Amino acid sequence: MHPAAQDTDPAPLDVLLGDDPTVVKVLCKQSAEHYGEMDSDEMLVLARAVLGDLAEVVHSDPQAHMLEISAPGVTKASALAWLAGELGVEAGEVVAFGDMPNDIPMLTWAGTGYAMSGGHPDAIAAASRQAPPCDEDGVAQVIEELLAGRDHKVGR
């Protein structure tokens, strides 16, 4: 169980929303007895078909059997765009790194999006460039080259 979920009580959605809280994110987890029925990629396709434009649906691990469901327009890209706006930074000046479907909006919003080698195929397809894998300190390698004024040569 995710550490943030250890202090929560599961309940039906109408009970959870009964006091009219502002919902930031809903996690949809496939129960252990149903593991193997669908992986996160398959769950994602199904949830997007059912929810349509009602919510942003992503996942951050194909094997976790869990989806992250947020309000429409709430993504890593929208948070990064807000922060960049506060700092007076244009999207074209932003370099972003990611490896999973929840990173895709951010990778496509940023002027330069690097997907990590070995990341999810959809993230790799969405990014304009590719970085070495995380276990080889890929982000650090790219940043060092960018700061040295060299264009990183791995991937596209």
N, C-alpha and C. Protein backbone atom coordinates (compact mmCIF):
# COMPACT_ATOMS: atom_id res chain seq x y z
N MET A 1 0.84 -1.17 0.00
CA MET A 1 0.00 0.00 0.00
C MET A 1 0.89 1.24 0.00
N HIS A 2 0.48 2.24 -0.77
CA HIS A 2 1.22 3.50 -0.81
C HIS A 2 1.18 4.15 0.57
N PRO A 3 2.33 4.71 1.04
CA PRO A 3 2.35 5.31 2.38
C PRO A 3 1.28 6.37 2.62
N ALA A 4 0.96 7.15 1.59
CA ALA A 4 -0.07 8.19 1.76
C ALA A 4 -1.45 7.60 1.99
N ALA A 5 -1.65 6.36 1.56
CA ALA A 5 -2.96 5.72 1.71
C ALA A 5 -3.13 4.99 3.02
N GLN A 6 -2.07 4.87 3.81
CA GLN A 6 -2.15 4.10 5.04
C GLN A 6 -3.06 4.72 6.09
N ASP A 7 -3.22 6.02 6.05
CA ASP A 7 -4.06 6.70 7.04
C ASP A 7 -5.44 7.05 6.49
N THR A 8 -5.85 6.38 5.42
CA THR A 8 -7.15 6.67 4.83
C THR A 8 -8.09 5.50 5.02
N ASP A 9 -9.37 5.81 4.99
CA ASP A 9 -10.39 4.77 5.10
C ASP A 9 -11.09 4.65 3.76
N PRO A 10 -11.02 3.49 3.11
CA PRO A 10 -11.76 3.32 1.85
C PRO A 10 -13.25 3.38 2.12
N ALA A 11 -13.96 3.95 1.15
CA ALA A 11 -15.42 4.05 1.27
C ALA A 11 -15.98 4.26 -0.12
N PRO A 12 -17.28 4.05 -0.29
CA PRO A 12 -17.91 4.36 -1.58
C PRO A 12 -17.73 5.85 -1.90
N LEU A 13 -17.68 6.15 -3.19
CA LEU A 13 -17.42 7.52 -3.62
C LEU A 13 -18.42 8.52 -3.05
N ASP A 14 -19.70 8.16 -3.01
CA ASP A 14 -20.69 9.11 -2.49
C ASP A 14 -20.44 9.44 -1.02
N VAL A 15 -19.92 8.51 -0.25
CA VAL A 15 -19.58 8.77 1.15
C VAL A 15 -18.35 9.68 1.23
N LEU A 16 -17.33 9.38 0.42
CA LEU A 16 -16.12 10.19 0.43
C LEU A 16 -16.39 11.65 0.04
N LEU A 17 -17.35 11.84 -0.87
CA LEU A 17 -17.67 13.19 -1.34
C LEU A 17 -18.82 13.83 -0.57
N GLY A 18 -19.33 13.16 0.44
CA GLY A 18 -20.49 13.62 1.17
C GLY A 18 -20.35 14.99 1.81
N ASP A 19 -19.15 15.34 2.26
CA ASP A 19 -18.99 16.66 2.88
C ASP A 19 -18.49 17.69 1.87
N ASP A 20 -18.60 17.37 0.56
CA ASP A 20 -18.28 18.27 -0.53
C ASP A 20 -16.84 18.78 -0.50
N PRO A 21 -15.88 17.88 -0.38
CA PRO A 21 -14.48 18.33 -0.42
C PRO A 21 -14.04 18.65 -1.84
N THR A 22 -12.96 19.37 -1.95
CA THR A 22 -12.35 19.58 -3.25
C THR A 22 -11.51 18.35 -3.55
N VAL A 23 -11.84 17.67 -4.62
CA VAL A 23 -11.13 16.46 -4.98
C VAL A 23 -9.98 16.83 -5.92
N VAL A 24 -8.78 16.47 -5.53
CA VAL A 24 -7.61 16.75 -6.34
C VAL A 24 -7.30 15.54 -7.21
N LYS A 25 -7.35 14.37 -6.63
CA LYS A 25 -7.02 13.16 -7.36
C LYS A 25 -7.74 11.97 -6.73
N VAL A 26 -8.17 11.06 -7.59
CA VAL A 26 -8.76 9.81 -7.15
C VAL A 26 -7.86 8.70 -7.68
N LEU A 27 -7.51 7.77 -6.81
CA LEU A 27 -6.73 6.61 -7.23
C LEU A 27 -7.66 5.43 -7.38
N CYS A 28 -7.56 4.75 -8.48
CA CYS A 28 -8.38 3.57 -8.76
C CYS A 28 -7.45 2.37 -8.80
N LYS A 29 -7.57 1.50 -7.81
CA LYS A 29 -6.66 0.37 -7.66
C LYS A 29 -7.42 -0.93 -7.88
N GLN A 30 -6.87 -1.79 -8.73
CA GLN A 30 -7.44 -3.11 -8.93
C GLN A 30 -7.06 -3.97 -7.74
N SER A 31 -8.01 -4.66 -7.17
CA SER A 31 -7.73 -5.46 -5.98
C SER A 31 -6.81 -6.63 -6.30
N ALA A 32 -6.07 -7.07 -5.29
CA ALA A 32 -5.08 -8.14 -5.46
C ALA A 32 -5.69 -9.41 -6.04
N GLU A 33 -6.91 -9.71 -5.66
CA GLU A 33 -7.51 -10.95 -6.18
C GLU A 33 -7.83 -10.86 -7.67
N HIS A 34 -7.80 -9.64 -8.22
CA HIS A 34 -8.06 -9.47 -9.65
C HIS A 34 -6.80 -9.16 -10.46
N TYR A 35 -5.63 -9.15 -9.82
CA TYR A 35 -4.37 -8.94 -10.55
C TYR A 35 -4.29 -9.96 -11.67
N GLY A 36 -3.80 -9.54 -12.77
CA GLY A 36 -3.67 -10.43 -13.91
C GLY A 36 -4.84 -10.31 -14.86
N GLU A 37 -5.97 -9.79 -14.38
CA GLU A 37 -7.10 -9.59 -15.28
C GLU A 37 -6.82 -8.45 -16.25
N MET A 38 -6.23 -7.37 -15.74
CA MET A 38 -5.86 -6.22 -16.56
C MET A 38 -4.63 -5.56 -15.96
N ASP A 39 -3.69 -5.15 -16.82
CA ASP A 39 -2.59 -4.35 -16.30
C ASP A 39 -3.00 -2.86 -16.38
N SER A 40 -2.17 -1.99 -15.92
CA SER A 40 -2.51 -0.56 -15.87
C SER A 40 -2.76 0.01 -17.26
N ASP A 41 -2.04 -0.46 -18.28
CA ASP A 41 -2.27 0.03 -19.64
C ASP A 41 -3.67 -0.31 -20.11
N GLU A 42 -4.11 -1.54 -19.85
CA GLU A 42 -5.46 -1.95 -20.25
C GLU A 42 -6.52 -1.20 -19.45
N MET A 43 -6.26 -1.01 -18.15
CA MET A 43 -7.18 -0.24 -17.32
C MET A 43 -7.30 1.19 -17.83
N LEU A 44 -6.17 1.76 -18.27
CA LEU A 44 -6.14 3.13 -18.76
C LEU A 44 -7.03 3.29 -20.00
N VAL A 45 -6.91 2.37 -20.93
CA VAL A 45 -7.73 2.42 -22.15
C VAL A 45 -9.21 2.35 -21.78
N LEU A 46 -9.56 1.45 -20.90
CA LEU A 46 -10.96 1.29 -20.49
C LEU A 46 -11.48 2.54 -19.78
N ALA A 47 -10.70 3.05 -18.82
CA ALA A 47 -11.14 4.23 -18.06
C ALA A 47 -11.29 5.45 -18.96
N ARG A 48 -10.36 5.65 -19.88
CA ARG A 48 -10.47 6.80 -20.79
C ARG A 48 -11.70 6.68 -21.68
N ALA A 49 -12.03 5.46 -22.10
CA ALA A 49 -13.22 5.26 -22.92
C ALA A 49 -14.49 5.58 -22.13
N VAL A 50 -14.51 5.19 -20.86
CA VAL A 50 -15.69 5.41 -20.02
C VAL A 50 -15.79 6.87 -19.57
N LEU A 51 -14.68 7.46 -19.15
CA LEU A 51 -14.71 8.81 -18.58
C LEU A 51 -14.64 9.92 -19.62
N GLY A 52 -14.08 9.64 -20.77
CA GLY A 52 -13.99 10.66 -21.82
C GLY A 52 -13.35 11.93 -21.33
N ASP A 53 -14.04 13.06 -21.56
CA ASP A 53 -13.52 14.37 -21.16
C ASP A 53 -13.86 14.76 -19.72
N LEU A 54 -14.46 13.85 -18.97
CA LEU A 54 -14.83 14.17 -17.59
C LEU A 54 -13.64 14.26 -16.65
N ALA A 55 -12.52 13.61 -17.02
CA ALA A 55 -11.36 13.57 -16.12
C ALA A 55 -10.09 13.28 -16.92
N GLU A 56 -8.96 13.60 -16.29
CA GLU A 56 -7.65 13.21 -16.81
C GLU A 56 -7.32 11.87 -16.17
N VAL A 57 -7.02 10.87 -16.98
CA VAL A 57 -6.71 9.55 -16.45
C VAL A 57 -5.33 9.14 -16.94
N VAL A 58 -4.45 8.78 -16.00
CA VAL A 58 -3.09 8.36 -16.31
C VAL A 58 -2.68 7.25 -15.35
N HIS A 59 -1.50 6.72 -15.58
CA HIS A 59 -0.89 5.83 -14.59
C HIS A 59 0.61 6.08 -14.61
N SER A 60 1.27 5.65 -13.56
CA SER A 60 2.71 5.85 -13.46
C SER A 60 3.48 4.54 -13.34
N ASP A 61 2.79 3.42 -13.54
CA ASP A 61 3.45 2.12 -13.47
C ASP A 61 2.54 1.07 -14.09
N PRO A 62 2.96 0.47 -15.23
CA PRO A 62 2.09 -0.49 -15.89
C PRO A 62 1.76 -1.72 -15.05
N GLN A 63 2.59 -2.04 -14.07
CA GLN A 63 2.37 -3.23 -13.26
C GLN A 63 1.69 -2.95 -11.92
N ALA A 64 1.39 -1.69 -11.63
CA ALA A 64 0.83 -1.33 -10.32
C ALA A 64 -0.66 -1.59 -10.19
N HIS A 65 -1.35 -1.82 -11.32
CA HIS A 65 -2.80 -2.05 -11.29
C HIS A 65 -3.52 -0.86 -10.66
N MET A 66 -3.03 0.36 -10.96
CA MET A 66 -3.62 1.56 -10.36
C MET A 66 -3.64 2.70 -11.37
N LEU A 67 -4.75 3.43 -11.38
CA LEU A 67 -4.89 4.62 -12.21
C LEU A 67 -4.95 5.85 -11.33
N GLU A 68 -4.52 6.97 -11.88
CA GLU A 68 -4.62 8.28 -11.23
C GLU A 68 -5.63 9.08 -12.02
N ILE A 69 -6.70 9.54 -11.37
CA ILE A 69 -7.78 10.25 -12.04
C ILE A 69 -7.88 11.65 -11.43
N SER A 70 -7.71 12.66 -12.29
CA SER A 70 -7.74 14.06 -11.84
C SER A 70 -8.80 14.82 -12.61
N ALA A 71 -9.10 16.02 -12.15
CA ALA A 71 -10.05 16.89 -12.84
C ALA A 71 -9.52 17.21 -14.23
N PRO A 72 -10.41 17.51 -15.17
CA PRO A 72 -9.97 17.86 -16.52
C PRO A 72 -8.94 19.00 -16.48
N GLY A 73 -7.86 18.82 -17.22
CA GLY A 73 -6.84 19.86 -17.30
C GLY A 73 -5.80 19.82 -16.20
N VAL A 74 -5.98 18.95 -15.20
CA VAL A 74 -5.02 18.86 -14.10
C VAL A 74 -4.00 17.78 -14.45
N THR A 75 -2.81 18.23 -14.86
CA THR A 75 -1.73 17.33 -15.25
C THR A 75 -0.41 17.91 -14.77
N LYS A 76 0.65 17.14 -14.94
CA LYS A 76 1.98 17.67 -14.66
C LYS A 76 2.26 18.86 -15.56
N ALA A 77 1.74 18.82 -16.79
CA ALA A 77 1.94 19.93 -17.72
C ALA A 77 1.27 21.20 -17.22
N SER A 78 0.06 21.10 -16.69
CA SER A 78 -0.63 22.30 -16.22
C SER A 78 0.08 22.89 -15.01
N ALA A 79 0.60 22.04 -14.13
CA ALA A 79 1.35 22.54 -12.98
C ALA A 79 2.66 23.19 -13.43
N LEU A 80 3.34 22.57 -14.37
CA LEU A 80 4.59 23.14 -14.87
C LEU A 80 4.35 24.44 -15.63
N ALA A 81 3.28 24.50 -16.40
CA ALA A 81 2.93 25.73 -17.12
C ALA A 81 2.63 26.86 -16.14
N TRP A 82 1.92 26.55 -15.06
CA TRP A 82 1.63 27.57 -14.05
C TRP A 82 2.92 28.08 -13.43
N LEU A 83 3.80 27.16 -13.01
CA LEU A 83 5.07 27.56 -12.39
C LEU A 83 5.92 28.37 -13.36
N ALA A 84 6.02 27.91 -14.59
CA ALA A 84 6.80 28.64 -15.59
C ALA A 84 6.24 30.05 -15.77
N GLY A 85 4.92 30.17 -15.82
CA GLY A 85 4.29 31.48 -15.94
C GLY A 85 4.62 32.39 -14.78
N GLU A 86 4.59 31.83 -13.56
CA GLU A 86 4.94 32.62 -12.37
C GLU A 86 6.38 33.11 -12.43
N LEU A 87 7.26 32.31 -13.05
CA LEU A 87 8.68 32.66 -13.14
C LEU A 87 9.03 33.42 -14.41
N GLY A 88 8.05 33.63 -15.28
CA GLY A 88 8.31 34.32 -16.54
C GLY A 88 9.11 33.50 -17.53
N VAL A 89 8.94 32.19 -17.48
CA VAL A 89 9.68 31.28 -18.36
C VAL A 89 8.71 30.78 -19.44
N GLU A 90 9.15 30.83 -20.69
CA GLU A 90 8.34 30.34 -21.81
C GLU A 90 8.48 28.82 -21.92
N ALA A 91 7.47 28.16 -22.47
CA ALA A 91 7.52 26.71 -22.65
C ALA A 91 8.75 26.28 -23.44
N GLY A 92 9.13 27.05 -24.43
CA GLY A 92 10.29 26.71 -25.25
C GLY A 92 11.60 26.71 -24.48
N GLU A 93 11.62 27.31 -23.31
CA GLU A 93 12.82 27.36 -22.48
C GLU A 93 12.87 26.22 -21.46
N VAL A 94 11.83 25.40 -21.43
CA VAL A 94 11.71 24.36 -20.41
C VAL A 94 12.19 23.01 -20.95
N VAL A 95 12.96 22.31 -20.13
CA VAL A 95 13.38 20.94 -20.40
C VAL A 95 12.71 20.06 -19.34
N ALA A 96 12.01 19.03 -19.78
CA ALA A 96 11.31 18.14 -18.85
C ALA A 96 11.77 16.70 -19.09
N PHE A 97 11.72 15.90 -18.03
CA PHE A 97 12.10 14.49 -18.08
C PHE A 97 10.96 13.64 -17.55
N GLY A 98 10.73 12.49 -18.17
CA GLY A 98 9.69 11.59 -17.69
C GLY A 98 9.85 10.21 -18.29
N ASP A 99 9.08 9.27 -17.74
CA ASP A 99 9.19 7.90 -18.23
C ASP A 99 7.87 7.14 -18.30
N MET A 100 6.78 7.75 -17.87
CA MET A 100 5.51 7.02 -17.80
C MET A 100 4.38 7.85 -18.43
N PRO A 101 3.21 7.23 -18.65
CA PRO A 101 2.09 7.94 -19.26
C PRO A 101 1.68 9.21 -18.51
N ASN A 102 1.85 9.24 -17.19
CA ASN A 102 1.48 10.46 -16.46
C ASN A 102 2.41 11.62 -16.79
N ASP A 103 3.54 11.36 -17.45
CA ASP A 103 4.48 12.41 -17.84
C ASP A 103 4.23 12.96 -19.24
N ILE A 104 3.42 12.29 -20.04
CA ILE A 104 3.25 12.66 -21.45
C ILE A 104 2.80 14.11 -21.65
N PRO A 105 1.78 14.61 -20.95
CA PRO A 105 1.41 16.01 -21.18
C PRO A 105 2.57 16.97 -20.90
N MET A 106 3.35 16.69 -19.88
CA MET A 106 4.50 17.53 -19.52
C MET A 106 5.59 17.44 -20.60
N LEU A 107 5.85 16.23 -21.08
CA LEU A 107 6.88 16.04 -22.10
C LEU A 107 6.53 16.75 -23.40
N THR A 108 5.24 16.81 -23.72
CA THR A 108 4.83 17.48 -24.95
C THR A 108 4.68 18.99 -24.77
N TRP A 109 4.39 19.45 -23.56
CA TRP A 109 4.27 20.89 -23.29
C TRP A 109 5.64 21.57 -23.30
N ALA A 110 6.61 20.95 -22.69
CA ALA A 110 7.93 21.55 -22.56
C ALA A 110 8.57 21.74 -23.93
N GLY A 111 9.40 22.75 -24.04
CA GLY A 111 10.12 22.98 -25.29
C GLY A 111 10.95 21.78 -25.70
N THR A 112 11.55 21.12 -24.71
CA THR A 112 12.31 19.89 -24.96
C THR A 112 11.90 18.86 -23.93
N GLY A 113 11.34 17.76 -24.40
CA GLY A 113 10.94 16.68 -23.52
C GLY A 113 11.84 15.48 -23.72
N TYR A 114 12.43 15.02 -22.64
CA TYR A 114 13.28 13.82 -22.66
C TYR A 114 12.54 12.68 -21.98
N ALA A 115 12.37 11.58 -22.72
CA ALA A 115 11.87 10.35 -22.11
C ALA A 115 13.08 9.52 -21.73
N MET A 116 12.97 8.84 -20.63
CA MET A 116 14.06 8.00 -20.17
C MET A 116 14.09 6.71 -20.97
N SER A 117 15.29 6.31 -21.44
CA SER A 117 15.43 5.02 -22.11
C SER A 117 14.90 3.94 -21.17
N GLY A 118 14.15 3.03 -21.71
CA GLY A 118 13.56 1.98 -20.89
C GLY A 118 12.23 2.40 -20.28
N GLY A 119 11.81 3.63 -20.55
CA GLY A 119 10.52 4.10 -20.04
C GLY A 119 9.37 3.48 -20.83
N HIS A 120 8.18 3.89 -20.48
CA HIS A 120 6.98 3.40 -21.15
C HIS A 120 7.02 3.80 -22.62
N PRO A 121 6.64 2.90 -23.54
CA PRO A 121 6.69 3.22 -24.97
C PRO A 121 5.90 4.48 -25.35
N ASP A 122 4.78 4.74 -24.68
CA ASP A 122 4.00 5.93 -25.00
C ASP A 122 4.74 7.21 -24.61
N ALA A 123 5.46 7.18 -23.50
CA ALA A 123 6.25 8.34 -23.08
C ALA A 123 7.40 8.57 -24.06
N ILE A 124 8.04 7.50 -24.46
CA ILE A 124 9.15 7.62 -25.42
C ILE A 124 8.64 8.19 -26.74
N ALA A 125 7.49 7.74 -27.19
CA ALA A 125 6.92 8.23 -28.45
C ALA A 125 6.54 9.71 -28.35
N ALA A 126 6.12 10.16 -27.18
CA ALA A 126 5.67 11.54 -27.00
C ALA A 126 6.82 12.54 -26.88
N ALA A 127 7.96 12.09 -26.41
CA ALA A 127 9.08 12.99 -26.14
C ALA A 127 9.83 13.33 -27.42
N SER A 128 10.42 14.53 -27.43
CA SER A 128 11.22 14.93 -28.59
C SER A 128 12.62 14.34 -28.54
N ARG A 129 13.05 13.92 -27.36
CA ARG A 129 14.40 13.36 -27.20
C ARG A 129 14.35 12.20 -26.21
N GLN A 130 15.48 11.50 -26.13
CA GLN A 130 15.57 10.39 -25.20
C GLN A 130 16.84 10.53 -24.38
N ALA A 131 16.72 10.28 -23.10
CA ALA A 131 17.85 10.34 -22.17
C ALA A 131 18.26 8.92 -21.80
N PRO A 132 19.49 8.75 -21.31
CA PRO A 132 19.88 7.43 -20.80
C PRO A 132 18.94 7.02 -19.66
N PRO A 133 18.93 5.74 -19.32
CA PRO A 133 18.01 5.26 -18.28
C PRO A 133 18.30 5.85 -16.90
N CYS A 134 17.30 5.79 -16.04
CA CYS A 134 17.42 6.32 -14.67
C CYS A 134 18.57 5.67 -13.92
N ASP A 135 18.73 4.35 -14.07
CA ASP A 135 19.78 3.67 -13.31
C ASP A 135 21.19 4.01 -13.78
N GLU A 136 21.28 4.80 -14.85
CA GLU A 136 22.57 5.33 -15.31
C GLU A 136 22.65 6.84 -15.08
N ASP A 137 21.78 7.35 -14.19
CA ASP A 137 21.73 8.79 -13.90
C ASP A 137 21.50 9.60 -15.17
N GLY A 138 20.55 9.14 -15.99
CA GLY A 138 20.28 9.77 -17.27
C GLY A 138 19.94 11.24 -17.19
N VAL A 139 19.14 11.64 -16.21
CA VAL A 139 18.79 13.06 -16.07
C VAL A 139 20.05 13.87 -15.81
N ALA A 140 20.89 13.40 -14.90
CA ALA A 140 22.13 14.12 -14.58
C ALA A 140 23.04 14.21 -15.80
N GLN A 141 23.14 13.13 -16.58
CA GLN A 141 23.98 13.17 -17.77
C GLN A 141 23.52 14.25 -18.74
N VAL A 142 22.21 14.31 -18.99
CA VAL A 142 21.68 15.30 -19.92
C VAL A 142 21.89 16.71 -19.37
N ILE A 143 21.59 16.93 -18.10
CA ILE A 143 21.76 18.27 -17.52
C ILE A 143 23.21 18.71 -17.60
N GLU A 144 24.14 17.81 -17.30
CA GLU A 144 25.56 18.17 -17.40
C GLU A 144 25.93 18.60 -18.81
N GLU A 145 25.44 17.88 -19.81
CA GLU A 145 25.73 18.25 -21.19
C GLU A 145 25.07 19.56 -21.57
N LEU A 146 23.83 19.77 -21.14
CA LEU A 146 23.16 21.03 -21.44
C LEU A 146 23.87 22.22 -20.80
N LEU A 147 24.30 22.06 -19.56
CA LEU A 147 25.00 23.14 -18.87
C LEU A 147 26.37 23.40 -19.48
N ALA A 148 26.95 22.37 -20.08
CA ALA A 148 28.26 22.53 -20.75
C ALA A 148 28.09 23.10 -22.15
N GLY A 149 26.82 23.33 -22.56
CA GLY A 149 26.57 23.91 -23.87
C GLY A 149 26.58 22.90 -24.99
N ARG A 150 26.50 21.62 -24.66
CA ARG A 150 26.48 20.58 -25.68
C ARG A 150 25.07 20.02 -25.77
N ASP A 151 24.67 19.68 -26.99
CA ASP A 151 23.38 19.01 -27.20
C ASP A 151 23.56 17.55 -26.87
N HIS A 152 22.65 17.00 -26.09
CA HIS A 152 22.76 15.59 -25.70
C HIS A 152 22.54 14.71 -26.93
N LYS A 153 23.38 13.70 -27.11
CA LYS A 153 23.38 12.90 -28.34
C LYS A 153 22.58 11.62 -28.27
N VAL A 154 22.09 11.22 -27.13
CA VAL A 154 21.34 9.96 -27.02
C VAL A 154 19.94 10.18 -27.58
N GLY A 155 19.45 9.24 -28.33
CA GLY A 155 18.08 9.29 -28.85
C GLY A 155 17.93 10.33 -29.93
N ARG A 156 16.68 10.78 -30.13
CA ARG A 156 16.36 11.70 -31.21
C ARG A 156 16.96 13.06 -31.01
